[in-house]
Amino acid sequence: MTLRQYLFLLGKVVFAGGILWWLFGKIDAGMLWGLLLAAKPAPMAFALGFGVVIILIAAWRWRRLLGVFGIEAPLGALFCIAWIGQFFLLFLPGPIGDDASRMVYISRAAPGRAGEACLSVMLDRAIGLGSVLVLCLFVVPLQWAVLRLTSQTFWLAGAVFCAGLGFLVAGLLFLVLARPLPPGDGIFGLLPAGRIRSELVRLWNLGAGNKRAVSQVFAAAVSIQLLNCITFWLAGASVGIDVPLLAWASFVPVILASNVLPVTIAGLGVREYLLVLFLGVVGQVGAEQAMAASLVVFAAMVAVSSLGGLVYVFYRGSAHPVKMES
């Protein structure tokens, strides 16, 4: 890591630590500790199980996206790589994270197609973010009368709602109107002729010719976000929060979208602040219970990601050959 990268990582640690320090200064630490000790194990166990299922769905989604590029990878291999990525994301923050580790593994498995393989990782990340925003578009209105009561929840919910609307409109227009283009035709004809324009046209044509696969990838991404909502709900149930799942679904996507911002490590600090904020507004839940639920979510993430470390130790990519179409 370079000095700049170290400073960026240090800034994220300081930012997360500052938020947590501020939050802990406003709650009863003894009450929080008591809630964690009395947490129900059954909902926590289900939350762990959903964490593994989410990784499996993410691997299937990535496999379908690779198929658009003509790269056929075994689901087992991608499941292992995705799980390893979760380990790096949490325990080796900075430039070596989920996306970087996946790019390394898939580029090694697909020699000669490393550029496309790495591009699939970036597109997969973008589709994941888009799925969160589109989900916000549908769930935020359900609790809008409550979310607009404070300026913080009003602007956060409003921003992700507008972003989700833009993503949904763009996606629907693509699925309905997109058609394969010859080089230089359509919107790309405005760009200077060259490799960049040719590559954009090629990518457009791959998407336009595989709309079913693209739709399946997006549907899988939305299902992952719904499972994330259930995981938060289970974490809340484990510490005695009696808020309906539908209410959780109205703000958890906003939290997930906010966690994408690279200002902290694995969303630590941001997740806690927003969960205290939204649960207080939507469910009239005390800060101690909201903080306890957030820590249960984080503990589930740590547990699942730790198992990814074991996968990293024992995984051998050569045992899962990748096929490539011309």
Protein backbone atom coordinates (compact mmCIF):
# COMPACT_ATOMS: atom_id res chain seq x y z
CA MET A 1 0.00 0.00 0.00
CA THR A 2 1.16 3.50 -0.80
CA LEU A 3 1.21 6.37 1.69
CA ARG A 4 -1.93 7.80 0.10
CA GLN A 5 -3.75 4.50 0.51
CA TYR A 6 -2.66 4.21 4.14
CA LEU A 7 -3.91 7.73 4.81
CA PHE A 8 -7.23 6.95 3.10
CA LEU A 9 -7.63 3.82 5.22
CA LEU A 10 -6.71 5.74 8.36
CA GLY A 11 -9.31 8.37 7.48
CA LYS A 12 -11.99 5.69 7.17
CA VAL A 13 -11.03 4.22 10.55
CA VAL A 14 -11.08 7.65 12.20
CA PHE A 15 -14.44 8.50 10.60
CA ALA A 16 -16.05 5.23 11.74
CA GLY A 17 -14.52 5.54 15.19
CA GLY A 18 -15.75 9.11 15.53
CA ILE A 19 -19.34 8.17 14.73
CA LEU A 20 -19.27 5.22 17.14
CA TRP A 21 -17.71 7.36 19.88
CA TRP A 22 -20.45 9.97 19.42
CA LEU A 23 -23.18 7.31 19.46
CA PHE A 24 -21.85 5.55 22.55
CA GLY A 25 -21.78 8.91 24.29
CA LYS A 26 -25.54 9.19 23.86
CA ILE A 27 -26.63 5.72 25.00
CA ASP A 28 -26.58 3.64 28.16
CA ALA A 29 -23.67 1.23 27.58
CA GLY A 30 -24.81 -1.03 30.41
CA MET A 31 -28.26 -1.39 28.90
CA LEU A 32 -26.71 -2.09 25.50
CA TRP A 33 -24.52 -4.81 26.97
CA GLY A 34 -27.51 -6.36 28.72
CA LEU A 35 -29.48 -6.46 25.47
CA LEU A 36 -26.62 -8.19 23.68
CA LEU A 37 -26.22 -10.78 26.45
CA ALA A 38 -29.96 -11.52 26.38
CA ALA A 39 -30.14 -11.74 22.58
CA LYS A 40 -32.16 -14.70 21.31
CA PRO A 41 -29.95 -17.25 19.53
CA ALA A 42 -32.54 -18.56 17.02
CA PRO A 43 -32.98 -15.34 15.00
CA MET A 44 -29.20 -14.87 15.05
CA ALA A 45 -28.69 -18.37 13.65
CA PHE A 46 -31.17 -17.68 10.85
CA ALA A 47 -29.35 -14.41 10.10
CA LEU A 48 -26.10 -16.37 9.70
CA GLY A 49 -27.81 -18.82 7.37
CA PHE A 50 -29.18 -16.01 5.23
CA GLY A 51 -25.65 -14.60 5.00
CA VAL A 52 -24.46 -17.79 3.31
CA VAL A 53 -27.53 -17.91 1.04
CA ILE A 54 -26.85 -14.32 -0.03
CA ILE A 55 -23.32 -15.25 -1.10
CA LEU A 56 -24.66 -18.22 -3.06
CA ILE A 57 -27.19 -16.05 -4.91
CA ALA A 58 -24.48 -13.47 -5.57
CA ALA A 59 -22.30 -16.19 -7.10
CA TRP A 60 -25.17 -17.35 -9.36
CA ARG A 61 -25.80 -13.74 -10.40
CA TRP A 62 -22.14 -13.28 -11.28
CA ARG A 63 -22.16 -16.55 -13.23
CA ARG A 64 -25.06 -15.36 -15.39
CA LEU A 65 -23.25 -12.06 -16.01
CA LEU A 66 -20.06 -13.85 -17.02
CA GLY A 67 -22.15 -15.92 -19.41
CA VAL A 68 -23.08 -12.73 -21.26
CA PHE A 69 -19.36 -12.34 -22.04
CA GLY A 70 -19.09 -15.95 -23.14
CA ILE A 71 -17.24 -17.05 -20.02
CA GLU A 72 -18.70 -20.20 -18.46
CA ALA A 73 -17.55 -20.61 -14.86
CA PRO A 74 -18.70 -23.33 -12.41
CA LEU A 75 -21.07 -22.09 -9.72
CA GLY A 76 -18.95 -23.75 -7.02
CA ALA A 77 -15.85 -21.82 -8.07
CA LEU A 78 -17.68 -18.48 -8.10
CA PHE A 79 -19.29 -19.29 -4.74
CA CYS A 80 -15.83 -19.83 -3.24
CA ILE A 81 -14.42 -16.67 -4.85
CA ALA A 82 -17.38 -14.56 -3.70
CA TRP A 83 -17.03 -15.90 -0.15
CA ILE A 84 -13.31 -15.15 -0.18
CA GLY A 85 -14.18 -11.66 -1.35
CA GLN A 86 -16.34 -11.16 1.73
CA PHE A 87 -13.38 -12.10 3.89
CA PHE A 88 -11.09 -9.58 2.21
CA LEU A 89 -13.79 -6.92 2.28
CA LEU A 90 -14.08 -7.08 6.05
CA PHE A 91 -10.62 -8.05 7.26
CA LEU A 92 -8.35 -6.42 4.69
CA PRO A 93 -10.02 -3.08 4.02
CA GLY A 94 -8.47 -0.64 1.60
CA PRO A 95 -7.43 -1.37 -1.98
CA ILE A 96 -7.63 -5.15 -1.37
CA GLY A 97 -11.31 -5.81 -0.98
CA ASP A 98 -14.21 -7.76 -2.38
CA ASP A 99 -14.01 -6.50 -5.97
CA ALA A 100 -10.22 -6.57 -6.18
CA SER A 101 -9.96 -10.14 -4.90
CA ARG A 102 -12.67 -11.33 -7.28
CA MET A 103 -10.89 -9.67 -10.19
CA VAL A 104 -7.64 -11.42 -9.29
CA TYR A 105 -9.22 -14.86 -9.09
CA ILE A 106 -11.40 -14.61 -12.20
CA SER A 107 -8.64 -13.08 -14.35
CA ARG A 108 -6.39 -16.01 -13.44
CA ALA A 109 -9.15 -18.47 -14.28
CA ALA A 110 -9.92 -16.80 -17.64
CA PRO A 111 -6.54 -16.12 -19.30
CA GLY A 112 -6.87 -14.02 -22.41
CA ARG A 113 -10.25 -12.69 -21.24
CA ALA A 114 -9.08 -10.97 -18.08
CA GLY A 115 -10.42 -7.58 -19.17
CA GLU A 116 -13.93 -8.89 -19.70
CA ALA A 117 -13.79 -10.98 -16.52
CA CYS A 118 -12.81 -7.93 -14.47
CA LEU A 119 -15.44 -5.82 -16.20
CA SER A 120 -18.06 -8.36 -15.10
CA VAL A 121 -17.08 -7.65 -11.48
CA MET A 122 -17.56 -3.90 -11.94
CA LEU A 123 -20.89 -4.39 -13.71
CA ASP A 124 -21.99 -6.79 -10.99
CA ARG A 125 -21.23 -4.13 -8.39
CA ALA A 126 -23.15 -1.48 -10.34
CA ILE A 127 -26.16 -3.77 -10.75
CA GLY A 128 -26.08 -4.51 -7.02
CA LEU A 129 -26.20 -0.80 -6.21
CA GLY A 130 -28.94 -0.26 -8.77
CA SER A 131 -31.04 -3.01 -7.20
CA VAL A 132 -30.84 -1.27 -3.81
CA LEU A 133 -31.93 2.03 -5.34
CA VAL A 134 -34.84 0.46 -7.23
CA LEU A 135 -35.99 -1.33 -4.08
CA CYS A 136 -35.92 2.03 -2.28
CA LEU A 137 -38.18 3.38 -5.01
CA PHE A 138 -40.91 0.92 -4.03
CA VAL A 139 -40.52 0.74 -0.25
CA VAL A 140 -39.81 4.34 0.75
CA PRO A 141 -43.34 5.59 -0.14
CA LEU A 142 -44.78 3.04 2.31
CA GLN A 143 -43.28 4.96 5.22
CA TRP A 144 -42.96 8.41 3.66
CA ALA A 145 -45.35 10.05 6.14
CA VAL A 146 -42.94 9.04 8.91
CA LEU A 147 -39.65 9.41 7.04
CA ARG A 148 -40.35 13.04 6.22
CA LEU A 149 -40.68 13.99 9.89
CA THR A 150 -36.94 14.71 10.30
CA SER A 151 -34.65 16.49 7.87
CA GLN A 152 -32.05 13.66 7.91
CA THR A 153 -34.50 10.90 6.97
CA PHE A 154 -36.31 13.20 4.52
CA TRP A 155 -33.21 13.99 2.47
CA LEU A 156 -31.73 10.49 2.64
CA ALA A 157 -34.95 8.76 1.63
CA GLY A 158 -35.70 11.40 -1.00
CA ALA A 159 -32.23 11.15 -2.58
CA VAL A 160 -32.27 7.36 -2.92
CA PHE A 161 -35.86 7.47 -4.18
CA CYS A 162 -34.89 9.84 -7.01
CA ALA A 163 -31.78 7.78 -7.82
CA GLY A 164 -33.88 4.61 -7.90
CA LEU A 165 -36.38 6.25 -10.23
CA GLY A 166 -33.61 7.24 -12.62
CA PHE A 167 -32.08 3.75 -12.60
CA LEU A 168 -35.47 2.08 -13.14
CA VAL A 169 -36.39 4.33 -16.07
CA ALA A 170 -33.00 3.79 -17.71
CA GLY A 171 -33.25 0.03 -17.20
CA LEU A 172 -36.76 -0.25 -18.60
CA LEU A 173 -35.86 1.86 -21.63
CA PHE A 174 -32.89 -0.41 -22.28
CA LEU A 175 -34.91 -3.62 -21.98
CA VAL A 176 -37.70 -2.30 -24.21
CA LEU A 177 -35.84 -0.27 -26.82
CA ALA A 178 -32.26 -1.57 -26.95
CA ARG A 179 -31.23 -3.27 -30.17
CA PRO A 180 -27.86 -4.39 -31.51
CA LEU A 181 -26.00 -1.57 -33.25
CA PRO A 182 -23.44 -1.54 -36.03
CA PRO A 183 -20.18 0.32 -35.19
CA GLY A 184 -20.73 4.05 -35.03
CA ASP A 185 -24.52 3.88 -35.01
CA GLY A 186 -26.91 5.22 -32.42
CA ILE A 187 -25.79 7.20 -29.38
CA PHE A 188 -22.21 6.01 -29.74
CA GLY A 189 -21.91 7.66 -33.14
CA LEU A 190 -21.34 10.95 -31.32
CA LEU A 191 -18.06 9.63 -29.89
CA PRO A 192 -14.76 9.80 -31.77
CA ALA A 193 -14.01 6.67 -33.76
CA GLY A 194 -11.57 4.37 -32.03
CA ARG A 195 -11.16 1.53 -29.59
CA ILE A 196 -13.30 3.08 -26.84
CA ARG A 197 -16.30 3.55 -29.12
CA SER A 198 -15.94 0.06 -30.56
CA GLU A 199 -15.77 -1.43 -27.06
CA LEU A 200 -18.86 0.47 -25.90
CA VAL A 201 -20.79 -0.69 -28.96
CA ARG A 202 -19.68 -4.27 -28.31
CA LEU A 203 -20.81 -4.10 -24.68
CA TRP A 204 -24.11 -2.55 -25.71
CA ASN A 205 -24.69 -5.33 -28.22
CA LEU A 206 -23.87 -8.00 -25.64
CA GLY A 207 -26.49 -6.55 -23.31
CA ALA A 208 -29.07 -6.01 -26.06
CA GLY A 209 -28.61 -9.59 -27.23
CA ASN A 210 -28.88 -11.08 -23.74
CA LYS A 211 -31.79 -9.19 -22.20
CA ARG A 212 -33.13 -12.27 -20.48
CA ALA A 213 -29.82 -12.90 -18.71
CA VAL A 214 -29.55 -9.22 -17.74
CA SER A 215 -33.09 -9.35 -16.30
CA GLN A 216 -32.24 -12.48 -14.33
CA VAL A 217 -29.09 -10.86 -12.96
CA PHE A 218 -31.06 -7.84 -11.78
CA ALA A 219 -33.82 -9.99 -10.25
CA ALA A 220 -31.19 -11.94 -8.32
CA ALA A 221 -29.69 -8.66 -7.10
CA VAL A 222 -33.09 -7.49 -5.83
CA SER A 223 -33.65 -10.82 -4.05
CA ILE A 224 -30.33 -10.32 -2.24
CA GLN A 225 -31.44 -6.91 -0.99
CA LEU A 226 -34.72 -8.39 0.24
CA LEU A 227 -32.78 -11.06 2.13
CA ASN A 228 -30.65 -8.27 3.63
CA CYS A 229 -33.85 -6.66 4.90
CA ILE A 230 -34.88 -9.96 6.49
CA THR A 231 -31.43 -10.26 8.09
CA PHE A 232 -31.82 -6.84 9.72
CA TRP A 233 -35.32 -7.78 10.87
CA LEU A 234 -34.00 -11.00 12.44
CA ALA A 235 -31.23 -9.06 14.17
CA GLY A 236 -33.83 -6.71 15.60
CA ALA A 237 -36.04 -9.59 16.73
CA SER A 238 -33.08 -11.15 18.55
CA VAL A 239 -32.79 -8.07 20.80
CA GLY A 240 -36.53 -7.61 21.30
CA ILE A 241 -37.42 -5.06 18.61
CA ASP A 242 -41.05 -5.61 17.60
CA VAL A 243 -41.19 -3.74 14.28
CA PRO A 244 -42.90 -5.35 11.24
CA LEU A 245 -40.72 -6.61 8.41
CA LEU A 246 -42.41 -4.22 5.99
CA ALA A 247 -41.31 -1.28 8.14
CA TRP A 248 -37.71 -2.56 8.10
CA ALA A 249 -37.90 -2.89 4.33
CA SER A 250 -38.83 0.78 4.07
CA PHE A 251 -35.47 2.00 5.38
CA VAL A 252 -32.92 -0.84 5.29
CA PRO A 253 -32.35 -0.31 1.53
CA VAL A 254 -31.52 3.32 2.31
CA ILE A 255 -28.92 2.12 4.83
CA LEU A 256 -27.50 -0.37 2.32
CA ALA A 257 -27.23 2.34 -0.33
CA SER A 258 -25.49 4.68 2.12
CA ASN A 259 -22.98 1.98 3.05
CA VAL A 260 -21.70 2.00 -0.53
CA LEU A 261 -20.02 5.35 0.13
CA PRO A 262 -16.28 4.69 0.74
CA VAL A 263 -16.13 6.68 3.99
CA THR A 264 -15.87 3.82 6.46
CA ILE A 265 -14.97 0.12 6.77
CA ALA A 266 -17.78 -2.31 5.89
CA GLY A 267 -20.29 0.42 6.72
CA LEU A 268 -19.22 0.50 10.36
CA GLY A 269 -20.46 3.64 12.05
CA VAL A 270 -22.70 4.73 9.18
CA ARG A 271 -24.90 1.64 9.61
CA GLU A 272 -25.19 2.20 13.36
CA TYR A 273 -26.02 5.89 13.03
CA LEU A 274 -28.68 5.36 10.35
CA LEU A 275 -30.25 2.39 12.11
CA VAL A 276 -30.60 4.40 15.33
CA LEU A 277 -32.04 7.27 13.30
CA PHE A 278 -34.56 5.29 11.22
CA LEU A 279 -35.70 2.93 13.96
CA GLY A 280 -36.24 5.90 16.24
CA VAL A 281 -38.41 7.62 13.65
CA VAL A 282 -40.25 4.65 12.11
CA GLY A 283 -40.62 2.34 15.09
CA GLN A 284 -40.08 4.60 18.11
CA VAL A 285 -37.26 2.24 19.13
CA GLY A 286 -34.72 3.34 21.75
CA ALA A 287 -31.13 4.03 20.72
CA GLU A 288 -29.81 1.15 22.83
CA GLN A 289 -32.01 -1.44 21.11
CA ALA A 290 -31.24 -0.03 17.66
CA MET A 291 -27.51 -0.09 18.39
CA ALA A 292 -27.78 -3.66 19.67
CA ALA A 293 -29.52 -4.74 16.45
CA SER A 294 -26.81 -3.10 14.37
CA LEU A 295 -24.07 -4.86 16.34
CA VAL A 296 -25.84 -8.19 15.84
CA VAL A 297 -25.87 -7.52 12.09
CA PHE A 298 -22.16 -6.71 12.22
CA ALA A 299 -21.44 -9.84 14.26
CA ALA A 300 -23.24 -11.95 11.64
CA MET A 301 -21.14 -10.30 8.93
CA VAL A 302 -17.94 -11.04 10.85
CA ALA A 303 -18.92 -14.68 11.39
CA VAL A 304 -19.80 -15.32 7.74
CA SER A 305 -16.74 -13.44 6.49
CA SER A 306 -14.49 -15.39 8.87
CA LEU A 307 -15.63 -18.61 7.23
CA GLY A 308 -14.58 -17.01 3.96
CA GLY A 309 -11.06 -16.98 5.38
CA LEU A 310 -11.19 -20.76 5.71
CA VAL A 311 -12.36 -21.00 2.12
CA TYR A 312 -9.39 -18.84 1.12
CA VAL A 313 -6.99 -21.26 2.83
CA PHE A 314 -8.37 -24.42 1.21
CA TYR A 315 -9.71 -23.20 -2.15
CA ARG A 316 -7.84 -24.36 -5.24
CA GLY A 317 -9.03 -22.63 -8.38
CA SER A 318 -7.39 -25.17 -10.68
CA ALA A 319 -9.97 -27.74 -9.57
CA HIS A 320 -12.73 -25.66 -11.22
CA PRO A 321 -11.88 -25.12 -14.92
CA VAL A 322 -13.42 -22.13 -16.69
CA LYS A 323 -14.67 -22.48 -20.27
CA MET A 324 -14.63 -19.60 -22.74
CA GLU A 325 -16.59 -19.16 -25.92
CA SER A 326 -15.07 -17.39 -28.89
